[in-house]
All heavy atoms as atom14 arrays in JSON, in Angstrom:
{
  "sequence": "IFKRNPKKLHIVDISENNLTELVRDIRSSYGYIKGDFKTFALDIGS",
  "atom14_mask": [
    [1, 1, 1, 1, 1, 1, 1, 1, 0, 0, 0, 0, 0, 0],
    [1, 1, 1, 1, 1, 1, 1, 1, 1, 1, 1, 0, 0, 0],
    [1, 1, 1, 1, 1, 1, 1, 1, 1, 0, 0, 0, 0, 0],
    [1, 1, 1, 1, 1, 1, 1, 1, 1, 1, 1, 0, 0, 0],
    [1, 1, 1, 1, 1, 1, 1, 1, 0, 0, 0, 0, 0, 0],
    [1, 1, 1, 1, 1, 1, 1, 0, 0, 0, 0, 0, 0, 0],
    [1, 1, 1, 1, 1, 1, 1, 1, 1, 0, 0, 0, 0, 0],
    [1, 1, 1, 1, 1, 1, 1, 1, 1, 0, 0, 0, 0, 0],
    [1, 1, 1, 1, 1, 1, 1, 1, 0, 0, 0, 0, 0, 0],
    [1, 1, 1, 1, 1, 1, 1, 1, 1, 1, 0, 0, 0, 0],
    [1, 1, 1, 1, 1, 1, 1, 1, 0, 0, 0, 0, 0, 0],
    [1, 1, 1, 1, 1, 1, 1, 0, 0, 0, 0, 0, 0, 0],
    [1, 1, 1, 1, 1, 1, 1, 1, 0, 0, 0, 0, 0, 0],
    [1, 1, 1, 1, 1, 1, 1, 1, 0, 0, 0, 0, 0, 0],
    [1, 1, 1, 1, 1, 1, 0, 0, 0, 0, 0, 0, 0, 0],
    [1, 1, 1, 1, 1, 1, 1, 1, 1, 0, 0, 0, 0, 0],
    [1, 1, 1, 1, 1, 1, 1, 1, 0, 0, 0, 0, 0, 0],
    [1, 1, 1, 1, 1, 1, 1, 1, 0, 0, 0, 0, 0, 0],
    [1, 1, 1, 1, 1, 1, 1, 1, 0, 0, 0, 0, 0, 0],
    [1, 1, 1, 1, 1, 1, 1, 0, 0, 0, 0, 0, 0, 0],
    [1, 1, 1, 1, 1, 1, 1, 1, 1, 0, 0, 0, 0, 0],
    [1, 1, 1, 1, 1, 1, 1, 1, 0, 0, 0, 0, 0, 0],
    [1, 1, 1, 1, 1, 1, 1, 0, 0, 0, 0, 0, 0, 0],
    [1, 1, 1, 1, 1, 1, 1, 1, 1, 1, 1, 0, 0, 0],
    [1, 1, 1, 1, 1, 1, 1, 1, 0, 0, 0, 0, 0, 0],
    [1, 1, 1, 1, 1, 1, 1, 1, 0, 0, 0, 0, 0, 0],
    [1, 1, 1, 1, 1, 1, 1, 1, 1, 1, 1, 0, 0, 0],
    [1, 1, 1, 1, 1, 1, 0, 0, 0, 0, 0, 0, 0, 0],
    [1, 1, 1, 1, 1, 1, 0, 0, 0, 0, 0, 0, 0, 0],
    [1, 1, 1, 1, 1, 1, 1, 1, 1, 1, 1, 1, 0, 0],
    [1, 1, 1, 1, 0, 0, 0, 0, 0, 0, 0, 0, 0, 0],
    [1, 1, 1, 1, 1, 1, 1, 1, 1, 1, 1, 1, 0, 0],
    [1, 1, 1, 1, 1, 1, 1, 1, 0, 0, 0, 0, 0, 0],
    [1, 1, 1, 1, 1, 1, 1, 1, 1, 0, 0, 0, 0, 0],
    [1, 1, 1, 1, 0, 0, 0, 0, 0, 0, 0, 0, 0, 0],
    [1, 1, 1, 1, 1, 1, 1, 1, 0, 0, 0, 0, 0, 0],
    [1, 1, 1, 1, 1, 1, 1, 1, 1, 1, 1, 0, 0, 0],
    [1, 1, 1, 1, 1, 1, 1, 1, 1, 0, 0, 0, 0, 0],
    [1, 1, 1, 1, 1, 1, 1, 0, 0, 0, 0, 0, 0, 0],
    [1, 1, 1, 1, 1, 1, 1, 1, 1, 1, 1, 0, 0, 0],
    [1, 1, 1, 1, 1, 0, 0, 0, 0, 0, 0, 0, 0, 0],
    [1, 1, 1, 1, 1, 1, 1, 1, 0, 0, 0, 0, 0, 0],
    [1, 1, 1, 1, 1, 1, 1, 1, 0, 0, 0, 0, 0, 0],
    [1, 1, 1, 1, 1, 1, 1, 1, 0, 0, 0, 0, 0, 0],
    [1, 1, 1, 1, 0, 0, 0, 0, 0, 0, 0, 0, 0, 0],
    [1, 1, 1, 1, 1, 1, 0, 0, 0, 0, 0, 0, 0, 0]
  ],
  "atom14_positions": [
    [[-87.89, 103.68, -24.45], [-88.59, 104.22, -25.62], [-89.2, 103.1, -26.45], [-90.37, 103.15, -26.83], [-87.62, 105.06, -26.48], [-87.12, 106.28, -25.7], [-88.3, 105.51, -27.78], [-85.99, 107.04, -26.38], [0.0, 0.0, 0.0], [0.0, 0.0, 0.0], [0.0, 0.0, 0.0], [0.0, 0.0, 0.0], [0.0, 0.0, 0.0], [0.0, 0.0, 0.0]],
    [[-88.41, 102.07, -26.73], [-88.84, 100.98, -27.61], [-90.12, 100.32, -27.11], [-91.05, 100.06, -27.89], [-87.73, 99.94, -27.74], [-88.01, 98.86, -28.75], [-87.55, 98.98, -30.06], [-88.72, 97.72, -28.41], [-87.82, 97.98, -31.0], [-88.99, 96.72, -29.33], [-88.53, 96.86, -30.64], [0.0, 0.0, 0.0], [0.0, 0.0, 0.0], [0.0, 0.0, 0.0]],
    [[-90.19, 100.06, -25.81], [-91.34, 99.31, -25.28], [-92.63, 100.14, -25.26], [-93.7, 99.59, -24.98], [-91.03, 98.76, -23.9], [-90.86, 99.77, -22.79], [-90.38, 99.07, -21.51], [-90.29, 99.99, -20.33], [-89.76, 99.32, -19.12], [0.0, 0.0, 0.0], [0.0, 0.0, 0.0], [0.0, 0.0, 0.0], [0.0, 0.0, 0.0], [0.0, 0.0, 0.0]],
    [[-92.5, 101.44, -25.62], [-93.7, 102.29, -25.73], [-94.05, 102.58, -27.19], [-94.78, 103.52, -27.49], [-93.48, 103.57, -24.93], [-93.43, 103.31, -23.42], [-93.12, 104.55, -22.6], [-93.26, 104.29, -21.17], [-92.29, 103.84, -20.38], [-91.09, 103.59, -20.91], [-92.51, 103.61, -19.09], [0.0, 0.0, 0.0], [0.0, 0.0, 0.0], [0.0, 0.0, 0.0]],
    [[-93.49, 101.77, -28.09], [-93.9, 101.7, -29.5], [-93.79, 103.04, -30.25], [-94.77, 103.56, -30.78], [-95.35, 101.19, -29.58], [-95.7, 100.66, -30.95], [-94.84, 100.15, -31.66], [-96.96, 100.8, -31.34], [0.0, 0.0, 0.0], [0.0, 0.0, 0.0], [0.0, 0.0, 0.0], [0.0, 0.0, 0.0], [0.0, 0.0, 0.0], [0.0, 0.0, 0.0]],
    [[-92.59, 103.61, -30.36], [-92.42, 104.89, -31.06], [-92.64, 104.76, -32.57], [-92.51, 103.67, -33.13], [-90.97, 105.25, -30.76], [-90.29, 103.93, -30.59], [-91.31, 103.07, -29.88], [0.0, 0.0, 0.0], [0.0, 0.0, 0.0], [0.0, 0.0, 0.0], [0.0, 0.0, 0.0], [0.0, 0.0, 0.0], [0.0, 0.0, 0.0], [0.0, 0.0, 0.0]],
    [[-92.96, 105.88, -33.2], [-93.11, 105.89, -34.66], [-91.76, 105.67, -35.35], [-91.68, 105.1, -36.44], [-93.71, 107.22, -35.13], [-95.16, 107.41, -34.75], [-95.65, 108.81, -35.11], [-95.62, 109.06, -36.61], [-96.17, 110.39, -36.94], [0.0, 0.0, 0.0], [0.0, 0.0, 0.0], [0.0, 0.0, 0.0], [0.0, 0.0, 0.0], [0.0, 0.0, 0.0]],
    [[-90.7, 106.16, -34.7], [-89.37, 106.06, -35.29], [-88.35, 106.08, -34.15], [-88.44, 106.89, -33.24], [-89.15, 107.24, -36.23], [-87.79, 107.33, -36.91], [-87.8, 108.56, -37.82], [-86.51, 108.79, -38.54], [-86.58, 109.99, -39.42], [0.0, 0.0, 0.0], [0.0, 0.0, 0.0], [0.0, 0.0, 0.0], [0.0, 0.0, 0.0], [0.0, 0.0, 0.0]],
    [[-87.39, 105.18, -34.21], [-86.35, 105.11, -33.19], [-85.03, 104.75, -33.87], [-84.83, 103.61, -34.3], [-86.69, 104.08, -32.12], [-85.65, 103.83, -31.01], [-85.28, 105.13, -30.31], [-86.17, 102.8, -30.0], [0.0, 0.0, 0.0], [0.0, 0.0, 0.0], [0.0, 0.0, 0.0], [0.0, 0.0, 0.0], [0.0, 0.0, 0.0], [0.0, 0.0, 0.0]],
    [[-84.15, 105.73, -33.99], [-82.83, 105.53, -34.57], [-81.78, 105.64, -33.48], [-81.83, 106.56, -32.65], [-82.55, 106.57, -35.67], [-83.31, 106.33, -36.93], [-83.22, 107.14, -38.04], [-84.19, 105.34, -37.27], [-84.01, 106.68, -39.0], [-84.6, 105.59, -38.55], [0.0, 0.0, 0.0], [0.0, 0.0, 0.0], [0.0, 0.0, 0.0], [0.0, 0.0, 0.0]],
    [[-80.85, 104.7, -33.48], [-79.82, 104.64, -32.45], [-78.45, 104.82, -33.11], [-78.12, 104.12, -34.07], [-79.83, 103.28, -31.71], [-81.26, 102.89, -31.31], [-78.9, 103.33, -30.52], [-81.94, 103.86, -30.39], [0.0, 0.0, 0.0], [0.0, 0.0, 0.0], [0.0, 0.0, 0.0], [0.0, 0.0, 0.0], [0.0, 0.0, 0.0], [0.0, 0.0, 0.0]],
    [[-77.66, 105.74, -32.59], [-76.3, 105.96, -33.08], [-75.32, 105.7, -31.93], [-75.52, 106.19, -30.82], [-76.11, 107.41, -33.59], [-74.65, 107.68, -33.94], [-76.99, 107.66, -34.82], [0.0, 0.0, 0.0], [0.0, 0.0, 0.0], [0.0, 0.0, 0.0], [0.0, 0.0, 0.0], [0.0, 0.0, 0.0], [0.0, 0.0, 0.0], [0.0, 0.0, 0.0]],
    [[-74.28, 104.93, -32.23], [-73.23, 104.7, -31.23], [-71.94, 104.34, -31.95], [-71.97, 103.74, -33.05], [-73.63, 103.57, -30.27], [-72.8, 103.58, -29.0], [-71.65, 103.07, -29.03], [-73.28, 104.11, -27.99], [0.0, 0.0, 0.0], [0.0, 0.0, 0.0], [0.0, 0.0, 0.0], [0.0, 0.0, 0.0], [0.0, 0.0, 0.0], [0.0, 0.0, 0.0]],
    [[-70.83, 104.68, -31.35], [-69.53, 104.4, -31.96], [-69.16, 102.92, -31.87], [-68.32, 102.44, -32.63], [-68.44, 105.29, -31.32], [-67.19, 105.34, -32.2], [-68.12, 104.8, -29.9], [-66.18, 106.38, -31.74], [0.0, 0.0, 0.0], [0.0, 0.0, 0.0], [0.0, 0.0, 0.0], [0.0, 0.0, 0.0], [0.0, 0.0, 0.0], [0.0, 0.0, 0.0]],
    [[-69.81, 102.18, -30.95], [-69.46, 100.78, -30.73], [-70.37, 99.85, -31.55], [-71.54, 99.66, -31.22], [-69.58, 100.42, -29.24], [-69.39, 99.03, -29.06], [0.0, 0.0, 0.0], [0.0, 0.0, 0.0], [0.0, 0.0, 0.0], [0.0, 0.0, 0.0], [0.0, 0.0, 0.0], [0.0, 0.0, 0.0], [0.0, 0.0, 0.0], [0.0, 0.0, 0.0]],
    [[-69.8, 99.25, -32.57], [-70.54, 98.3, -33.4], [-70.96, 97.07, -32.58], [-72.09, 96.58, -32.71], [-69.67, 97.88, -34.58], [-70.32, 96.91, -35.54], [-69.37, 96.45, -36.64], [-68.14, 96.44, -36.39], [-69.86, 96.09, -37.72], [0.0, 0.0, 0.0], [0.0, 0.0, 0.0], [0.0, 0.0, 0.0], [0.0, 0.0, 0.0], [0.0, 0.0, 0.0]],
    [[-70.07, 96.6, -31.73], [-70.38, 95.41, -30.93], [-71.52, 95.67, -29.95], [-72.42, 94.83, -29.77], [-69.13, 94.96, -30.16], [-68.07, 94.38, -31.07], [-68.36, 93.96, -32.19], [-66.83, 94.37, -30.61], [0.0, 0.0, 0.0], [0.0, 0.0, 0.0], [0.0, 0.0, 0.0], [0.0, 0.0, 0.0], [0.0, 0.0, 0.0], [0.0, 0.0, 0.0]],
    [[-71.49, 96.82, -29.28], [-72.55, 97.13, -28.33], [-73.9, 97.3, -29.01], [-74.94, 96.93, -28.47], [-72.2, 98.4, -27.54], [-71.16, 98.15, -26.47], [-70.61, 97.05, -26.36], [-70.85, 99.16, -25.69], [0.0, 0.0, 0.0], [0.0, 0.0, 0.0], [0.0, 0.0, 0.0], [0.0, 0.0, 0.0], [0.0, 0.0, 0.0], [0.0, 0.0, 0.0]],
    [[-73.88, 97.88, -30.22], [-75.13, 98.01, -30.97], [-75.7, 96.64, -31.32], [-76.92, 96.42, -31.25], [-74.9, 98.82, -32.25], [-74.83, 100.33, -32.11], [-74.42, 100.96, -33.44], [-76.18, 100.91, -31.66], [0.0, 0.0, 0.0], [0.0, 0.0, 0.0], [0.0, 0.0, 0.0], [0.0, 0.0, 0.0], [0.0, 0.0, 0.0], [0.0, 0.0, 0.0]],
    [[-74.82, 95.73, -31.72], [-75.27, 94.39, -32.06], [-75.94, 93.71, -30.87], [-77.02, 93.11, -30.98], [-74.08, 93.53, -32.54], [-73.51, 94.14, -33.7], [-74.52, 92.12, -32.88], [0.0, 0.0, 0.0], [0.0, 0.0, 0.0], [0.0, 0.0, 0.0], [0.0, 0.0, 0.0], [0.0, 0.0, 0.0], [0.0, 0.0, 0.0], [0.0, 0.0, 0.0]],
    [[-75.31, 93.83, -29.7], [-75.88, 93.23, -28.49], [-77.18, 93.93, -28.09], [-78.13, 93.28, -27.62], [-74.87, 93.29, -27.35], [-75.39, 92.77, -26.01], [-75.95, 91.36, -26.07], [-75.48, 90.55, -26.92], [-76.87, 91.06, -25.28], [0.0, 0.0, 0.0], [0.0, 0.0, 0.0], [0.0, 0.0, 0.0], [0.0, 0.0, 0.0], [0.0, 0.0, 0.0]],
    [[-77.26, 95.24, -28.28], [-78.48, 95.97, -27.97], [-79.65, 95.43, -28.77], [-80.75, 95.2, -28.23], [-78.29, 97.47, -28.24], [-79.55, 98.33, -28.16], [-80.14, 98.31, -26.76], [-79.24, 99.76, -28.6], [0.0, 0.0, 0.0], [0.0, 0.0, 0.0], [0.0, 0.0, 0.0], [0.0, 0.0, 0.0], [0.0, 0.0, 0.0], [0.0, 0.0, 0.0]],
    [[-79.45, 95.23, -30.06], [-80.53, 94.73, -30.91], [-80.92, 93.32, -30.49], [-82.12, 92.99, -30.4], [-80.11, 94.75, -32.4], [-81.18, 94.09, -33.27], [-79.89, 96.19, -32.86], [0.0, 0.0, 0.0], [0.0, 0.0, 0.0], [0.0, 0.0, 0.0], [0.0, 0.0, 0.0], [0.0, 0.0, 0.0], [0.0, 0.0, 0.0], [0.0, 0.0, 0.0]],
    [[-79.94, 92.47, -30.21], [-80.25, 91.11, -29.74], [-81.07, 91.16, -28.45], [-82.03, 90.41, -28.27], [-78.96, 90.33, -29.52], [-78.21, 89.95, -30.79], [-76.84, 89.4, -30.45], [-76.11, 88.96, -31.64], [-74.79, 88.82, -31.69], [-74.06, 89.06, -30.61], [-74.2, 88.42, -32.8], [0.0, 0.0, 0.0], [0.0, 0.0, 0.0], [0.0, 0.0, 0.0]],
    [[-80.66, 92.04, -27.56], [-81.34, 92.18, -26.27], [-82.79, 92.63, -26.47], [-83.73, 92.06, -25.88], [-80.57, 93.19, -25.42], [-81.07, 93.26, -23.98], [-81.92, 92.44, -23.59], [-80.6, 94.15, -23.24], [0.0, 0.0, 0.0], [0.0, 0.0, 0.0], [0.0, 0.0, 0.0], [0.0, 0.0, 0.0], [0.0, 0.0, 0.0], [0.0, 0.0, 0.0]],
    [[-82.98, 93.63, -27.3], [-84.32, 94.16, -27.53], [-85.21, 93.12, -28.22], [-86.37, 92.92, -27.83], [-84.24, 95.45, -28.37], [-83.77, 96.61, -27.49], [-85.59, 95.78, -29.01], [-83.57, 97.91, -28.23], [0.0, 0.0, 0.0], [0.0, 0.0, 0.0], [0.0, 0.0, 0.0], [0.0, 0.0, 0.0], [0.0, 0.0, 0.0], [0.0, 0.0, 0.0]],
    [[-84.69, 92.46, -29.23], [-85.49, 91.45, -29.93], [-85.88, 90.32, -28.98], [-86.99, 89.78, -29.04], [-84.7, 90.88, -31.12], [-84.38, 91.86, -32.24], [-85.62, 92.49, -32.81], [-85.33, 93.3, -33.98], [-86.02, 94.38, -34.33], [-87.05, 94.77, -33.58], [-85.71, 95.06, -35.41], [0.0, 0.0, 0.0], [0.0, 0.0, 0.0], [0.0, 0.0, 0.0]],
    [[-84.94, 89.95, -28.09], [-85.21, 88.84, -27.17], [-86.21, 89.22, -26.09], [-86.97, 88.38, -25.62], [-83.9, 88.38, -26.53], [-82.98, 87.93, -27.5], [0.0, 0.0, 0.0], [0.0, 0.0, 0.0], [0.0, 0.0, 0.0], [0.0, 0.0, 0.0], [0.0, 0.0, 0.0], [0.0, 0.0, 0.0], [0.0, 0.0, 0.0], [0.0, 0.0, 0.0]],
    [[-86.21, 90.49, -25.68], [-87.08, 90.92, -24.58], [-88.41, 91.49, -25.06], [-89.45, 91.24, -24.45], [-86.36, 91.99, -23.74], [-85.22, 91.46, -23.12], [0.0, 0.0, 0.0], [0.0, 0.0, 0.0], [0.0, 0.0, 0.0], [0.0, 0.0, 0.0], [0.0, 0.0, 0.0], [0.0, 0.0, 0.0], [0.0, 0.0, 0.0], [0.0, 0.0, 0.0]],
    [[-88.38, 92.3, -26.14], [-89.57, 93.05, -26.54], [-90.09, 92.72, -27.93], [-91.22, 93.07, -28.26], [-89.28, 94.56, -26.48], [-88.75, 95.02, -25.15], [-87.42, 95.41, -25.01], [-89.56, 95.03, -24.01], [-86.91, 95.83, -23.79], [-89.06, 95.45, -22.78], [-87.74, 95.84, -22.68], [-87.24, 96.25, -21.47], [0.0, 0.0, 0.0], [0.0, 0.0, 0.0]],
    [[-89.28, 92.06, -28.74], [-89.74, 91.69, -30.08], [-89.59, 92.82, -31.07], [-88.48, 93.3, -31.32], [0.0, 0.0, 0.0], [0.0, 0.0, 0.0], [0.0, 0.0, 0.0], [0.0, 0.0, 0.0], [0.0, 0.0, 0.0], [0.0, 0.0, 0.0], [0.0, 0.0, 0.0], [0.0, 0.0, 0.0], [0.0, 0.0, 0.0], [0.0, 0.0, 0.0]],
    [[-90.71, 93.29, -31.62], [-90.67, 94.23, -32.73], [-91.7, 95.34, -32.51], [-92.63, 95.22, -31.72], [-90.97, 93.51, -34.06], [-89.99, 92.4, -34.34], [-90.16, 91.13, -33.78], [-88.88, 92.62, -35.15], [-89.24, 90.11, -34.02], [-87.96, 91.6, -35.41], [-88.15, 90.36, -34.83], [-87.24, 89.36, -35.07], [0.0, 0.0, 0.0], [0.0, 0.0, 0.0]],
    [[-91.51, 96.45, -33.23], [-92.48, 97.54, -33.23], [-92.87, 97.83, -34.68], [-92.16, 97.46, -35.62], [-91.91, 98.82, -32.57], [-90.61, 99.27, -33.27], [-91.7, 98.62, -31.09], [-90.08, 100.61, -32.8], [0.0, 0.0, 0.0], [0.0, 0.0, 0.0], [0.0, 0.0, 0.0], [0.0, 0.0, 0.0], [0.0, 0.0, 0.0], [0.0, 0.0, 0.0]],
    [[-93.99, 98.51, -34.84], [-94.43, 98.88, -36.18], [-93.61, 100.03, -36.75], [-93.49, 100.19, -37.96], [-95.91, 99.29, -36.14], [-96.86, 98.16, -35.79], [-98.3, 98.65, -35.76], [-99.26, 97.51, -35.38], [-100.67, 97.98, -35.31], [0.0, 0.0, 0.0], [0.0, 0.0, 0.0], [0.0, 0.0, 0.0], [0.0, 0.0, 0.0], [0.0, 0.0, 0.0]],
    [[-93.03, 100.82, -35.85], [-92.26, 101.98, -36.28], [-90.91, 101.63, -36.87], [-90.49, 100.47, -36.91], [0.0, 0.0, 0.0], [0.0, 0.0, 0.0], [0.0, 0.0, 0.0], [0.0, 0.0, 0.0], [0.0, 0.0, 0.0], [0.0, 0.0, 0.0], [0.0, 0.0, 0.0], [0.0, 0.0, 0.0], [0.0, 0.0, 0.0], [0.0, 0.0, 0.0]],
    [[-90.22, 102.67, -37.34], [-88.92, 102.54, -38.0], [-87.83, 102.43, -36.94], [-87.53, 103.41, -36.24], [-88.71, 103.78, -38.89], [-87.34, 103.79, -39.55], [-86.71, 102.73, -39.62], [-86.92, 104.89, -40.0], [0.0, 0.0, 0.0], [0.0, 0.0, 0.0], [0.0, 0.0, 0.0], [0.0, 0.0, 0.0], [0.0, 0.0, 0.0], [0.0, 0.0, 0.0]],
    [[-87.21, 101.26, -36.8], [-86.16, 101.03, -35.82], [-84.87, 100.68, -36.55], [-84.79, 99.68, -37.27], [-86.55, 99.9, -34.87], [-85.46, 99.53, -33.89], [-84.98, 100.45, -32.97], [-84.92, 98.25, -33.89], [-83.99, 100.11, -32.07], [-83.92, 97.89, -32.99], [-83.45, 98.83, -32.07], [0.0, 0.0, 0.0], [0.0, 0.0, 0.0], [0.0, 0.0, 0.0]],
    [[-83.84, 101.53, -36.4], [-82.56, 101.3, -37.07], [-81.41, 101.68, -36.13], [-81.57, 102.53, -35.24], [-82.43, 102.13, -38.35], [-83.34, 101.74, -39.49], [-82.96, 102.54, -40.75], [-83.81, 102.14, -41.95], [-85.17, 102.69, -41.83], [0.0, 0.0, 0.0], [0.0, 0.0, 0.0], [0.0, 0.0, 0.0], [0.0, 0.0, 0.0], [0.0, 0.0, 0.0]],
    [[-80.26, 101.04, -36.34], [-79.05, 101.4, -35.6], [-77.95, 101.79, -36.58], [-77.89, 101.27, -37.7], [-78.56, 100.24, -34.72], [-78.18, 99.13, -35.56], [-79.63, 99.8, -33.74], [0.0, 0.0, 0.0], [0.0, 0.0, 0.0], [0.0, 0.0, 0.0], [0.0, 0.0, 0.0], [0.0, 0.0, 0.0], [0.0, 0.0, 0.0], [0.0, 0.0, 0.0]],
    [[-77.05, 102.68, -36.15], [-75.97, 103.18, -36.99], [-74.68, 103.22, -36.17], [-74.64, 103.89, -35.13], [-76.28, 104.59, -37.52], [-77.58, 104.69, -38.27], [-78.76, 104.96, -37.59], [-77.61, 104.51, -39.65], [-79.97, 105.05, -38.27], [-78.82, 104.6, -40.34], [-80.0, 104.87, -39.65], [0.0, 0.0, 0.0], [0.0, 0.0, 0.0], [0.0, 0.0, 0.0]],
    [[-73.64, 102.51, -36.62], [-72.36, 102.48, -35.93], [-71.52, 103.66, -36.42], [-70.68, 103.53, -37.32], [-71.64, 101.15, -36.17], [0.0, 0.0, 0.0], [0.0, 0.0, 0.0], [0.0, 0.0, 0.0], [0.0, 0.0, 0.0], [0.0, 0.0, 0.0], [0.0, 0.0, 0.0], [0.0, 0.0, 0.0], [0.0, 0.0, 0.0], [0.0, 0.0, 0.0]],
    [[-71.72, 104.82, -35.8], [-71.09, 106.05, -36.26], [-70.53, 106.86, -35.11], [-71.06, 106.83, -33.99], [-72.11, 106.92, -37.01], [-72.75, 106.34, -38.27], [-73.87, 107.27, -38.74], [-71.71, 106.17, -39.38], [0.0, 0.0, 0.0], [0.0, 0.0, 0.0], [0.0, 0.0, 0.0], [0.0, 0.0, 0.0], [0.0, 0.0, 0.0], [0.0, 0.0, 0.0]],
    [[-69.47, 107.59, -35.38], [-68.92, 108.59, -34.47], [-69.66, 109.9, -34.77], [-69.65, 110.37, -35.91], [-67.42, 108.74, -34.74], [-66.75, 109.78, -33.86], [-67.47, 110.57, -33.19], [-65.51, 109.83, -33.85], [0.0, 0.0, 0.0], [0.0, 0.0, 0.0], [0.0, 0.0, 0.0], [0.0, 0.0, 0.0], [0.0, 0.0, 0.0], [0.0, 0.0, 0.0]],
    [[-70.27, 110.5, -33.75], [-71.08, 111.7, -34.02], [-70.22, 112.91, -34.39], [-70.75, 113.92, -34.85], [-72.01, 112.06, -32.84], [-71.21, 112.4, -31.58], [-73.0, 110.94, -32.59], [-72.09, 112.95, -30.47], [0.0, 0.0, 0.0], [0.0, 0.0, 0.0], [0.0, 0.0, 0.0], [0.0, 0.0, 0.0], [0.0, 0.0, 0.0], [0.0, 0.0, 0.0]],
    [[-68.91, 112.79, -34.23], [-68.04, 113.85, -34.68], [-67.6, 113.7, -36.12], [-66.84, 114.52, -36.64], [0.0, 0.0, 0.0], [0.0, 0.0, 0.0], [0.0, 0.0, 0.0], [0.0, 0.0, 0.0], [0.0, 0.0, 0.0], [0.0, 0.0, 0.0], [0.0, 0.0, 0.0], [0.0, 0.0, 0.0], [0.0, 0.0, 0.0], [0.0, 0.0, 0.0]],
    [[-68.12, 112.68, -36.82], [-67.65, 112.34, -38.16], [-68.52, 112.92, -39.26], [-69.67, 113.3, -39.04], [-67.6, 110.81, -38.32], [-68.92, 110.28, -38.33], [0.0, 0.0, 0.0], [0.0, 0.0, 0.0], [0.0, 0.0, 0.0], [0.0, 0.0, 0.0], [0.0, 0.0, 0.0], [0.0, 0.0, 0.0], [0.0, 0.0, 0.0], [0.0, 0.0, 0.0]]
  ]
}
C-alpha cells in the first residue's frame, strides 16, 4: 500500500517493537509519502 502513495495509511498492531521495525524498514526502503502515515501500538480488543 505504502509504495503506491495512499492518501492515508494507519497501522494498528499489538507489538510495539514490530511497529518500530516496520517504520524503520519502510523509511529505509521507500522514504516518505504525502499522505497521512501513522502507527498505533494497540490491542484491537481494547
